[in-house]
Amino acid sequence: MRPKVAVVGSSNTDLVAFVERLPEQGETLIGHRFLQTPGGKGANQAVAAARLGAEVTFIARVGSDAFGRAACENFRREGILTDYIVQDSEAPSGVALIFVGARGENMIVVVPGANARLSPADVERAEEALRSAHVLLLQLETPLETVARALEIAAESGVTVLLNPAPACHLPPSLLSKVDWLTPNETEASAL
């Protein structure tokens, strides 16, 4: 039996420019390579779980634009259930603008777009999928009240919860008490 994983979170399109060094403020540089790739912490969790053999349901919002359509097609190719991905006509898909230097250092700006509109009601529409999951994967690139609602449903159902607390922010103890596994990096751990 394949484990059931539900993911509530972000879907972005990453626009990556590779440069010899990161630009200074106000400076224009010429890059040597460009990459457009699916991204977003939630999408990355969903794809990783699917590739490891899990039956994955992804609860997310994308724009009803070319990036959103490409993201949904990518999720279907990966075998991810897309029934609870809303294609939002009022917000663009999320994007991440990423500069990567020669030594791997980076600068990232995320424009959340439709991710910022993922709501508790979107989570409630997927309640059956959440309650039947073995594991719920979360991160913080969507509104905190949406994450909190997903945690409530998981806690009521005894679903194991893994939270990647990124981007780092203060999390109330009432929210953290519902998390089984917390996976911060060093910066995120210091913010907790």
N, C-alpha and C. Protein backbone atom coordinates (compact mmCIF):
# COMPACT_ATOMS: atom_id res chain seq x y z
N MET A 1 0.84 -1.19 0.00
CA MET A 1 0.00 0.00 0.00
C MET A 1 0.89 1.25 0.00
N ARG A 2 0.59 2.17 -0.89
CA ARG A 2 1.35 3.43 -0.96
C ARG A 2 0.90 4.35 0.16
N PRO A 3 1.85 5.00 0.84
CA PRO A 3 1.46 5.97 1.87
C PRO A 3 0.76 7.16 1.22
N LYS A 4 -0.23 7.70 1.94
CA LYS A 4 -0.97 8.87 1.46
C LYS A 4 -0.37 10.12 2.11
N VAL A 5 0.00 11.07 1.27
CA VAL A 5 0.59 12.32 1.73
C VAL A 5 -0.25 13.47 1.20
N ALA A 6 -0.62 14.38 2.08
CA ALA A 6 -1.28 15.62 1.67
C ALA A 6 -0.29 16.75 1.87
N VAL A 7 -0.27 17.67 0.92
CA VAL A 7 0.59 18.85 1.00
C VAL A 7 -0.29 20.08 0.85
N VAL A 8 -0.18 20.99 1.81
CA VAL A 8 -0.85 22.29 1.70
C VAL A 8 0.25 23.32 1.56
N GLY A 9 0.29 24.02 0.43
CA GLY A 9 1.38 24.97 0.30
C GLY A 9 1.49 25.66 -1.02
N SER A 10 2.68 26.17 -1.25
CA SER A 10 2.96 27.09 -2.34
C SER A 10 3.41 26.38 -3.61
N SER A 11 3.07 27.01 -4.72
CA SER A 11 3.57 26.61 -6.03
C SER A 11 4.07 27.86 -6.72
N ASN A 12 5.33 27.86 -7.11
CA ASN A 12 5.92 28.99 -7.81
C ASN A 12 6.56 28.52 -9.10
N THR A 13 6.83 29.46 -9.97
CA THR A 13 7.73 29.22 -11.09
C THR A 13 9.02 29.93 -10.74
N ASP A 14 10.12 29.18 -10.73
CA ASP A 14 11.43 29.76 -10.43
C ASP A 14 12.06 30.26 -11.72
N LEU A 15 12.46 31.52 -11.72
CA LEU A 15 13.18 32.14 -12.83
C LEU A 15 14.60 32.39 -12.33
N VAL A 16 15.54 31.58 -12.81
CA VAL A 16 16.89 31.54 -12.24
C VAL A 16 17.90 32.09 -13.24
N ALA A 17 18.68 33.08 -12.81
CA ALA A 17 19.77 33.63 -13.61
C ALA A 17 21.09 33.27 -12.93
N PHE A 18 21.99 32.67 -13.69
CA PHE A 18 23.31 32.31 -13.18
C PHE A 18 24.30 33.40 -13.59
N VAL A 19 25.03 33.92 -12.60
CA VAL A 19 25.95 35.04 -12.81
C VAL A 19 27.30 34.71 -12.15
N GLU A 20 28.35 35.41 -12.56
CA GLU A 20 29.66 35.19 -11.94
C GLU A 20 29.66 35.63 -10.48
N ARG A 21 28.98 36.74 -10.21
CA ARG A 21 28.86 37.24 -8.84
C ARG A 21 27.49 37.90 -8.71
N LEU A 22 27.04 38.06 -7.49
CA LEU A 22 25.73 38.69 -7.27
C LEU A 22 25.83 40.19 -7.52
N PRO A 23 24.77 40.79 -8.05
CA PRO A 23 24.82 42.22 -8.34
C PRO A 23 24.80 43.08 -7.08
N GLU A 24 25.42 44.24 -7.18
CA GLU A 24 25.33 45.26 -6.13
C GLU A 24 24.03 46.03 -6.35
N GLN A 25 23.60 46.76 -5.35
CA GLN A 25 22.39 47.57 -5.48
C GLN A 25 22.53 48.52 -6.68
N GLY A 26 21.53 48.52 -7.55
CA GLY A 26 21.51 49.41 -8.71
C GLY A 26 22.36 48.94 -9.88
N GLU A 27 22.99 47.80 -9.77
CA GLU A 27 23.90 47.32 -10.81
C GLU A 27 23.19 46.33 -11.74
N THR A 28 23.50 46.41 -13.02
CA THR A 28 23.03 45.45 -14.01
C THR A 28 24.20 44.55 -14.39
N LEU A 29 23.96 43.24 -14.35
CA LEU A 29 24.98 42.26 -14.74
C LEU A 29 24.48 41.45 -15.93
N ILE A 30 25.40 40.87 -16.65
CA ILE A 30 25.07 39.93 -17.72
C ILE A 30 25.21 38.53 -17.15
N GLY A 31 24.16 37.74 -17.25
CA GLY A 31 24.21 36.36 -16.80
C GLY A 31 24.73 35.45 -17.90
N HIS A 32 25.11 34.23 -17.52
CA HIS A 32 25.62 33.29 -18.51
C HIS A 32 24.69 32.11 -18.75
N ARG A 33 23.61 32.00 -17.94
CA ARG A 33 22.65 30.92 -18.13
C ARG A 33 21.35 31.31 -17.47
N PHE A 34 20.23 30.83 -18.03
CA PHE A 34 18.90 31.09 -17.47
C PHE A 34 18.15 29.77 -17.40
N LEU A 35 17.35 29.63 -16.34
CA LEU A 35 16.57 28.42 -16.15
C LEU A 35 15.19 28.80 -15.64
N GLN A 36 14.16 28.25 -16.25
CA GLN A 36 12.79 28.38 -15.73
C GLN A 36 12.37 26.99 -15.28
N THR A 37 11.98 26.87 -14.01
CA THR A 37 11.70 25.55 -13.46
C THR A 37 10.59 25.63 -12.42
N PRO A 38 9.84 24.54 -12.25
CA PRO A 38 8.82 24.53 -11.20
C PRO A 38 9.48 24.66 -9.83
N GLY A 39 8.81 25.36 -8.92
CA GLY A 39 9.34 25.54 -7.58
C GLY A 39 8.25 25.88 -6.59
N GLY A 40 8.67 26.41 -5.46
CA GLY A 40 7.77 26.65 -4.35
C GLY A 40 7.95 25.54 -3.34
N LYS A 41 8.00 25.89 -2.07
CA LYS A 41 8.28 24.89 -1.04
C LYS A 41 7.24 23.78 -1.02
N GLY A 42 5.97 24.13 -1.16
CA GLY A 42 4.91 23.12 -1.18
C GLY A 42 5.03 22.21 -2.38
N ALA A 43 5.23 22.80 -3.55
CA ALA A 43 5.37 22.01 -4.77
C ALA A 43 6.56 21.08 -4.67
N ASN A 44 7.67 21.57 -4.14
CA ASN A 44 8.86 20.73 -3.98
C ASN A 44 8.58 19.56 -3.05
N GLN A 45 7.84 19.80 -1.96
CA GLN A 45 7.48 18.71 -1.05
C GLN A 45 6.61 17.68 -1.77
N ALA A 46 5.62 18.16 -2.54
CA ALA A 46 4.70 17.27 -3.23
C ALA A 46 5.44 16.41 -4.26
N VAL A 47 6.29 17.03 -5.05
CA VAL A 47 7.04 16.29 -6.07
C VAL A 47 7.97 15.27 -5.42
N ALA A 48 8.68 15.67 -4.37
CA ALA A 48 9.60 14.73 -3.70
C ALA A 48 8.85 13.52 -3.15
N ALA A 49 7.71 13.76 -2.50
CA ALA A 49 6.93 12.65 -1.94
C ALA A 49 6.42 11.73 -3.05
N ALA A 50 5.95 12.30 -4.15
CA ALA A 50 5.46 11.49 -5.27
C ALA A 50 6.59 10.65 -5.87
N ARG A 51 7.75 11.25 -6.01
CA ARG A 51 8.89 10.51 -6.58
C ARG A 51 9.36 9.39 -5.67
N LEU A 52 9.08 9.52 -4.37
CA LEU A 52 9.43 8.46 -3.42
C LEU A 52 8.35 7.39 -3.34
N GLY A 53 7.28 7.55 -4.13
CA GLY A 53 6.26 6.51 -4.22
C GLY A 53 4.97 6.77 -3.46
N ALA A 54 4.83 7.93 -2.84
CA ALA A 54 3.61 8.23 -2.09
C ALA A 54 2.48 8.62 -3.04
N GLU A 55 1.27 8.42 -2.57
CA GLU A 55 0.06 8.92 -3.24
C GLU A 55 -0.15 10.34 -2.70
N VAL A 56 0.07 11.35 -3.53
CA VAL A 56 0.13 12.73 -3.06
C VAL A 56 -1.07 13.54 -3.55
N THR A 57 -1.69 14.25 -2.61
CA THR A 57 -2.72 15.24 -2.91
C THR A 57 -2.13 16.60 -2.57
N PHE A 58 -2.19 17.53 -3.52
CA PHE A 58 -1.63 18.87 -3.32
C PHE A 58 -2.77 19.88 -3.26
N ILE A 59 -2.81 20.65 -2.17
CA ILE A 59 -3.79 21.71 -1.97
C ILE A 59 -3.04 23.02 -2.15
N ALA A 60 -3.39 23.78 -3.20
CA ALA A 60 -2.62 24.97 -3.55
C ALA A 60 -3.47 25.91 -4.40
N ARG A 61 -2.90 27.08 -4.70
CA ARG A 61 -3.48 28.04 -5.65
C ARG A 61 -2.41 28.48 -6.62
N VAL A 62 -2.79 28.50 -7.89
CA VAL A 62 -1.95 29.06 -8.94
C VAL A 62 -2.80 30.05 -9.72
N GLY A 63 -2.18 30.88 -10.52
CA GLY A 63 -2.94 31.77 -11.38
C GLY A 63 -3.50 31.00 -12.56
N SER A 64 -4.54 31.55 -13.18
CA SER A 64 -5.05 30.93 -14.41
C SER A 64 -4.27 31.55 -15.58
N ASP A 65 -2.97 31.34 -15.55
CA ASP A 65 -2.04 31.90 -16.53
C ASP A 65 -1.11 30.79 -17.02
N ALA A 66 -0.19 31.14 -17.89
CA ALA A 66 0.71 30.13 -18.47
C ALA A 66 1.53 29.42 -17.40
N PHE A 67 2.00 30.15 -16.38
CA PHE A 67 2.77 29.51 -15.32
C PHE A 67 1.90 28.53 -14.53
N GLY A 68 0.66 28.91 -14.24
CA GLY A 68 -0.25 28.04 -13.50
C GLY A 68 -0.59 26.78 -14.28
N ARG A 69 -0.87 26.94 -15.57
CA ARG A 69 -1.19 25.77 -16.41
C ARG A 69 0.02 24.83 -16.49
N ALA A 70 1.21 25.41 -16.65
CA ALA A 70 2.42 24.58 -16.72
C ALA A 70 2.66 23.85 -15.40
N ALA A 71 2.41 24.52 -14.28
CA ALA A 71 2.59 23.89 -12.97
C ALA A 71 1.65 22.70 -12.82
N CYS A 72 0.37 22.89 -13.15
CA CYS A 72 -0.60 21.79 -13.01
C CYS A 72 -0.24 20.62 -13.92
N GLU A 73 0.20 20.91 -15.13
CA GLU A 73 0.62 19.85 -16.04
C GLU A 73 1.82 19.10 -15.46
N ASN A 74 2.76 19.82 -14.89
CA ASN A 74 3.92 19.19 -14.27
C ASN A 74 3.49 18.28 -13.11
N PHE A 75 2.56 18.76 -12.27
CA PHE A 75 2.10 17.94 -11.15
C PHE A 75 1.44 16.66 -11.66
N ARG A 76 0.63 16.76 -12.70
CA ARG A 76 -0.02 15.57 -13.25
C ARG A 76 1.03 14.59 -13.78
N ARG A 77 2.05 15.11 -14.47
CA ARG A 77 3.13 14.24 -14.97
C ARG A 77 3.84 13.52 -13.82
N GLU A 78 3.93 14.19 -12.68
CA GLU A 78 4.59 13.60 -11.50
C GLU A 78 3.66 12.64 -10.75
N GLY A 79 2.40 12.52 -11.19
CA GLY A 79 1.46 11.62 -10.53
C GLY A 79 0.79 12.20 -9.31
N ILE A 80 0.79 13.52 -9.19
CA ILE A 80 0.19 14.21 -8.04
C ILE A 80 -1.27 14.52 -8.34
N LEU A 81 -2.15 14.25 -7.37
CA LEU A 81 -3.57 14.56 -7.51
C LEU A 81 -3.74 16.08 -7.47
N THR A 82 -4.34 16.65 -8.50
CA THR A 82 -4.46 18.11 -8.62
C THR A 82 -5.89 18.60 -8.41
N ASP A 83 -6.78 17.75 -7.92
CA ASP A 83 -8.19 18.14 -7.75
C ASP A 83 -8.38 19.36 -6.86
N TYR A 84 -7.45 19.60 -5.95
CA TYR A 84 -7.59 20.71 -4.99
C TYR A 84 -6.62 21.86 -5.26
N ILE A 85 -6.15 21.94 -6.49
CA ILE A 85 -5.36 23.10 -6.90
C ILE A 85 -6.31 24.06 -7.59
N VAL A 86 -6.49 25.24 -7.00
CA VAL A 86 -7.38 26.25 -7.56
C VAL A 86 -6.60 27.08 -8.58
N GLN A 87 -7.17 27.22 -9.77
CA GLN A 87 -6.59 28.14 -10.77
C GLN A 87 -7.33 29.46 -10.62
N ASP A 88 -6.67 30.42 -10.01
CA ASP A 88 -7.25 31.70 -9.59
C ASP A 88 -7.18 32.71 -10.74
N SER A 89 -8.33 33.23 -11.15
CA SER A 89 -8.36 34.20 -12.24
C SER A 89 -8.09 35.63 -11.76
N GLU A 90 -8.00 35.81 -10.44
CA GLU A 90 -7.81 37.16 -9.89
C GLU A 90 -6.39 37.43 -9.40
N ALA A 91 -5.51 36.45 -9.51
CA ALA A 91 -4.12 36.64 -9.06
C ALA A 91 -3.20 35.84 -9.96
N PRO A 92 -2.01 36.35 -10.24
CA PRO A 92 -1.06 35.60 -11.05
C PRO A 92 -0.44 34.46 -10.25
N SER A 93 0.15 33.53 -10.95
CA SER A 93 0.90 32.47 -10.28
C SER A 93 2.09 33.08 -9.54
N GLY A 94 2.50 32.41 -8.47
CA GLY A 94 3.67 32.86 -7.73
C GLY A 94 4.94 32.65 -8.54
N VAL A 95 5.89 33.54 -8.34
CA VAL A 95 7.19 33.41 -9.00
C VAL A 95 8.30 33.67 -7.99
N ALA A 96 9.43 33.05 -8.23
CA ALA A 96 10.64 33.33 -7.46
C ALA A 96 11.71 33.78 -8.45
N LEU A 97 12.27 34.95 -8.19
CA LEU A 97 13.35 35.50 -9.00
C LEU A 97 14.65 35.20 -8.27
N ILE A 98 15.50 34.41 -8.89
CA ILE A 98 16.68 33.87 -8.20
C ILE A 98 17.94 34.20 -8.99
N PHE A 99 18.92 34.76 -8.29
CA PHE A 99 20.25 34.96 -8.86
C PHE A 99 21.19 33.99 -8.15
N VAL A 100 21.98 33.25 -8.91
CA VAL A 100 22.92 32.30 -8.34
C VAL A 100 24.32 32.66 -8.81
N GLY A 101 25.22 32.92 -7.84
CA GLY A 101 26.61 33.25 -8.15
C GLY A 101 27.45 32.02 -8.40
N ALA A 102 28.67 32.23 -8.86
CA ALA A 102 29.58 31.15 -9.24
C ALA A 102 29.90 30.20 -8.08
N ARG A 103 29.88 30.69 -6.85
CA ARG A 103 30.18 29.85 -5.68
C ARG A 103 28.90 29.27 -5.06
N GLY A 104 27.76 29.42 -5.73
CA GLY A 104 26.51 28.87 -5.22
C GLY A 104 25.73 29.81 -4.33
N GLU A 105 26.29 30.99 -4.02
CA GLU A 105 25.56 31.95 -3.20
C GLU A 105 24.36 32.45 -4.01
N ASN A 106 23.29 32.87 -3.31
CA ASN A 106 22.12 33.29 -4.07
C ASN A 106 21.41 34.47 -3.42
N MET A 107 20.57 35.09 -4.22
CA MET A 107 19.64 36.13 -3.78
C MET A 107 18.28 35.71 -4.36
N ILE A 108 17.24 35.75 -3.52
CA ILE A 108 15.93 35.28 -3.97
C ILE A 108 14.87 36.30 -3.56
N VAL A 109 13.99 36.61 -4.50
CA VAL A 109 12.80 37.40 -4.21
C VAL A 109 11.60 36.57 -4.65
N VAL A 110 10.66 36.33 -3.74
CA VAL A 110 9.45 35.59 -4.06
C VAL A 110 8.29 36.57 -4.16
N VAL A 111 7.54 36.49 -5.25
CA VAL A 111 6.30 37.25 -5.41
C VAL A 111 5.19 36.20 -5.30
N PRO A 112 4.46 36.16 -4.17
CA PRO A 112 3.57 35.03 -3.90
C PRO A 112 2.37 34.90 -4.84
N GLY A 113 1.86 35.99 -5.36
CA GLY A 113 0.71 35.89 -6.26
C GLY A 113 -0.42 35.10 -5.63
N ALA A 114 -0.93 34.10 -6.35
CA ALA A 114 -2.08 33.31 -5.91
C ALA A 114 -1.81 32.55 -4.60
N ASN A 115 -0.55 32.26 -4.29
CA ASN A 115 -0.23 31.58 -3.03
C ASN A 115 -0.78 32.35 -1.83
N ALA A 116 -0.76 33.68 -1.91
CA ALA A 116 -1.23 34.52 -0.80
C ALA A 116 -2.74 34.45 -0.64
N ARG A 117 -3.42 33.85 -1.60
CA ARG A 117 -4.88 33.74 -1.55
C ARG A 117 -5.35 32.32 -1.17
N LEU A 118 -4.40 31.42 -0.89
CA LEU A 118 -4.80 30.08 -0.43
C LEU A 118 -5.46 30.26 0.92
N SER A 119 -6.70 29.79 1.05
CA SER A 119 -7.51 30.13 2.22
C SER A 119 -7.88 28.91 3.05
N PRO A 120 -8.33 29.15 4.29
CA PRO A 120 -8.87 28.04 5.08
C PRO A 120 -10.01 27.32 4.35
N ALA A 121 -10.82 28.05 3.59
CA ALA A 121 -11.90 27.41 2.83
C ALA A 121 -11.35 26.45 1.77
N ASP A 122 -10.21 26.80 1.15
CA ASP A 122 -9.57 25.89 0.19
C ASP A 122 -9.16 24.60 0.89
N VAL A 123 -8.63 24.73 2.10
CA VAL A 123 -8.23 23.57 2.89
C VAL A 123 -9.46 22.73 3.25
N GLU A 124 -10.53 23.39 3.66
CA GLU A 124 -11.75 22.66 4.05
C GLU A 124 -12.35 21.88 2.88
N ARG A 125 -12.22 22.39 1.66
CA ARG A 125 -12.71 21.66 0.49
C ARG A 125 -11.95 20.33 0.32
N ALA A 126 -10.73 20.28 0.82
CA ALA A 126 -9.91 19.07 0.71
C ALA A 126 -9.90 18.28 2.02
N GLU A 127 -10.85 18.55 2.89
CA GLU A 127 -10.83 17.95 4.23
C GLU A 127 -10.76 16.43 4.21
N GLU A 128 -11.51 15.79 3.33
CA GLU A 128 -11.49 14.33 3.27
C GLU A 128 -10.09 13.81 2.93
N ALA A 129 -9.44 14.46 1.99
CA ALA A 129 -8.07 14.05 1.62
C ALA A 129 -7.10 14.26 2.78
N LEU A 130 -7.28 15.35 3.52
CA LEU A 130 -6.41 15.61 4.68
C LEU A 130 -6.63 14.56 5.76
N ARG A 131 -7.89 14.26 6.05
CA ARG A 131 -8.20 13.30 7.13
C ARG A 131 -7.73 11.89 6.79
N SER A 132 -7.69 11.54 5.52
CA SER A 132 -7.29 10.18 5.14
C SER A 132 -5.78 10.05 4.90
N ALA A 133 -5.06 11.15 5.00
CA ALA A 133 -3.60 11.10 4.77
C ALA A 133 -2.88 10.46 5.95
N HIS A 134 -1.75 9.86 5.66
CA HIS A 134 -0.86 9.36 6.71
C HIS A 134 0.01 10.51 7.24
N VAL A 135 0.37 11.42 6.32
CA VAL A 135 1.26 12.53 6.65
C VAL A 135 0.75 13.79 5.96
N LEU A 136 0.83 14.92 6.68
CA LEU A 136 0.55 16.24 6.12
C LEU A 136 1.85 17.03 6.10
N LEU A 137 2.22 17.55 4.93
CA LEU A 137 3.42 18.37 4.78
C LEU A 137 3.00 19.82 4.62
N LEU A 138 3.65 20.70 5.40
CA LEU A 138 3.34 22.13 5.39
C LEU A 138 4.61 22.95 5.36
N GLN A 139 4.48 24.21 4.92
CA GLN A 139 5.52 25.22 5.03
C GLN A 139 4.80 26.55 5.18
N LEU A 140 5.52 27.65 5.17
CA LEU A 140 4.92 28.95 5.53
C LEU A 140 4.92 29.95 4.38
N GLU A 141 4.84 29.48 3.15
CA GLU A 141 4.75 30.39 2.01
C GLU A 141 3.30 30.72 1.65
N THR A 142 2.36 30.28 2.47
CA THR A 142 0.95 30.60 2.30
C THR A 142 0.47 31.24 3.61
N PRO A 143 -0.73 31.84 3.63
CA PRO A 143 -1.18 32.52 4.85
C PRO A 143 -1.19 31.61 6.08
N LEU A 144 -0.78 32.18 7.21
CA LEU A 144 -0.68 31.41 8.45
C LEU A 144 -2.03 30.84 8.88
N GLU A 145 -3.13 31.58 8.64
CA GLU A 145 -4.45 31.05 9.02
C GLU A 145 -4.81 29.81 8.20
N THR A 146 -4.29 29.71 7.00
CA THR A 146 -4.53 28.52 6.17
C THR A 146 -3.74 27.34 6.72
N VAL A 147 -2.50 27.58 7.08
CA VAL A 147 -1.66 26.55 7.70
C VAL A 147 -2.32 26.09 9.00
N ALA A 148 -2.81 27.04 9.80
CA ALA A 148 -3.45 26.70 11.08
C ALA A 148 -4.68 25.82 10.88
N ARG A 149 -5.48 26.11 9.85
CA ARG A 149 -6.68 25.29 9.60
C ARG A 149 -6.29 23.87 9.19
N ALA A 150 -5.27 23.75 8.37
CA ALA A 150 -4.80 22.41 7.99
C ALA A 150 -4.31 21.65 9.21
N LEU A 151 -3.60 22.34 10.11
CA LEU A 151 -3.13 21.71 11.35
C LEU A 151 -4.29 21.25 12.22
N GLU A 152 -5.34 22.05 12.31
CA GLU A 152 -6.51 21.67 13.11
C GLU A 152 -7.13 20.37 12.59
N ILE A 153 -7.32 20.31 11.28
CA ILE A 153 -7.93 19.11 10.68
C ILE A 153 -7.03 17.90 10.91
N ALA A 154 -5.73 18.07 10.72
CA ALA A 154 -4.80 16.96 10.92
C ALA A 154 -4.80 16.49 12.37
N ALA A 155 -4.81 17.44 13.31
CA ALA A 155 -4.81 17.09 14.74
C ALA A 155 -6.07 16.32 15.12
N GLU A 156 -7.21 16.75 14.59
CA GLU A 156 -8.48 16.06 14.88
C GLU A 156 -8.48 14.63 14.35
N SER A 157 -7.70 14.38 13.30
CA SER A 157 -7.71 13.08 12.62
C SER A 157 -6.52 12.20 12.96
N GLY A 158 -5.60 12.70 13.78
CA GLY A 158 -4.42 11.92 14.13
C GLY A 158 -3.41 11.78 13.00
N VAL A 159 -3.42 12.73 12.06
CA VAL A 159 -2.48 12.71 10.94
C VAL A 159 -1.14 13.28 11.40
N THR A 160 -0.06 12.61 11.07
CA THR A 160 1.29 13.09 11.38
C THR A 160 1.58 14.33 10.55
N VAL A 161 2.15 15.36 11.19
CA VAL A 161 2.41 16.64 10.52
C VAL A 161 3.90 16.95 10.52
N LEU A 162 4.41 17.28 9.33
CA LEU A 162 5.77 17.76 9.18
C LEU A 162 5.69 19.19 8.68
N LEU A 163 6.32 20.13 9.40
CA LEU A 163 6.32 21.54 9.04
C LEU A 163 7.73 22.02 8.75
N ASN A 164 7.92 22.56 7.56
CA ASN A 164 9.15 23.28 7.21
C ASN A 164 8.85 24.74 7.54
N PRO A 165 9.41 25.30 8.62
CA PRO A 165 9.04 26.66 9.05
C PRO A 165 9.73 27.75 8.25
N ALA A 166 9.49 27.74 6.94
CA ALA A 166 10.12 28.71 6.05
C ALA A 166 9.07 29.32 5.14
N PRO A 167 9.15 30.62 4.91
CA PRO A 167 10.13 31.54 5.48
C PRO A 167 9.92 31.71 6.98
N ALA A 168 11.01 31.99 7.66
CA ALA A 168 11.01 32.07 9.12
C ALA A 168 10.08 33.18 9.62
N CYS A 169 9.32 32.86 10.64
CA CYS A 169 8.48 33.86 11.32
C CYS A 169 8.15 33.31 12.70
N HIS A 170 7.62 34.17 13.55
CA HIS A 170 7.21 33.73 14.88
C HIS A 170 5.98 32.84 14.74
N LEU A 171 6.01 31.69 15.38
CA LEU A 171 4.87 30.77 15.36
C LEU A 171 4.32 30.62 16.77
N PRO A 172 3.02 30.79 16.94
CA PRO A 172 2.44 30.67 18.28
C PRO A 172 2.57 29.23 18.81
N PRO A 173 2.75 29.08 20.12
CA PRO A 173 2.84 27.74 20.71
C PRO A 173 1.63 26.86 20.38
N SER A 174 0.44 27.46 20.27
CA SER A 174 -0.76 26.68 19.96
C SER A 174 -0.65 26.02 18.58
N LEU A 175 0.05 26.65 17.67
CA LEU A 175 0.27 26.07 16.35
C LEU A 175 1.37 25.02 16.41
N LEU A 176 2.48 25.35 17.04
CA LEU A 176 3.61 24.42 17.13
C LEU A 176 3.24 23.13 17.86
N SER A 177 2.30 23.21 18.79
CA SER A 177 1.92 22.02 19.56
C SER A 177 1.25 20.95 18.69
N LYS A 178 0.79 21.32 17.51
CA LYS A 178 0.13 20.37 16.61
C LYS A 178 1.10 19.77 15.59
N VAL A 179 2.36 20.16 15.65
CA VAL A 179 3.37 19.71 14.69
C VAL A 179 4.15 18.54 15.29
N ASP A 180 4.28 17.46 14.52
CA ASP A 180 5.06 16.30 14.97
C ASP A 180 6.54 16.43 14.62
N TRP A 181 6.82 16.91 13.42
CA TRP A 181 8.19 17.03 12.94
C TRP A 181 8.39 18.44 12.41
N LEU A 182 9.42 19.10 12.92
CA LEU A 182 9.77 20.46 12.52
C LEU A 182 11.14 20.39 11.83
N THR A 183 11.27 20.99 10.64
CA THR A 183 12.51 20.86 9.87
C THR A 183 13.12 22.23 9.54
N PRO A 184 13.52 23.00 10.55
CA PRO A 184 14.10 24.32 10.27
C PRO A 184 15.56 24.22 9.83
N ASN A 185 15.98 25.22 9.06
CA ASN A 185 17.42 25.38 8.86
C ASN A 185 17.93 26.25 10.01
N GLU A 186 19.20 26.60 10.00
CA GLU A 186 19.79 27.33 11.13
C GLU A 186 19.11 28.69 11.35
N THR A 187 18.85 29.42 10.28
CA THR A 187 18.21 30.73 10.39
C THR A 187 16.80 30.60 10.94
N GLU A 188 16.05 29.63 10.43
CA GLU A 188 14.67 29.41 10.88
C GLU A 188 14.62 28.97 12.34
N ALA A 189 15.57 28.13 12.74
CA ALA A 189 15.62 27.68 14.13
C ALA A 189 15.84 28.84 15.08
N SER A 190 16.68 29.79 14.70
CA SER A 190 16.92 30.93 15.58
C SER A 190 15.70 31.84 15.65
N ALA A 191 14.88 31.87 14.61
CA ALA A 191 13.66 32.69 14.62
C ALA A 191 12.57 32.07 15.48
N LEU A 192 12.63 30.76 15.69
CA LEU A 192 11.63 30.08 16.51
C LEU A 192 11.91 30.33 17.97
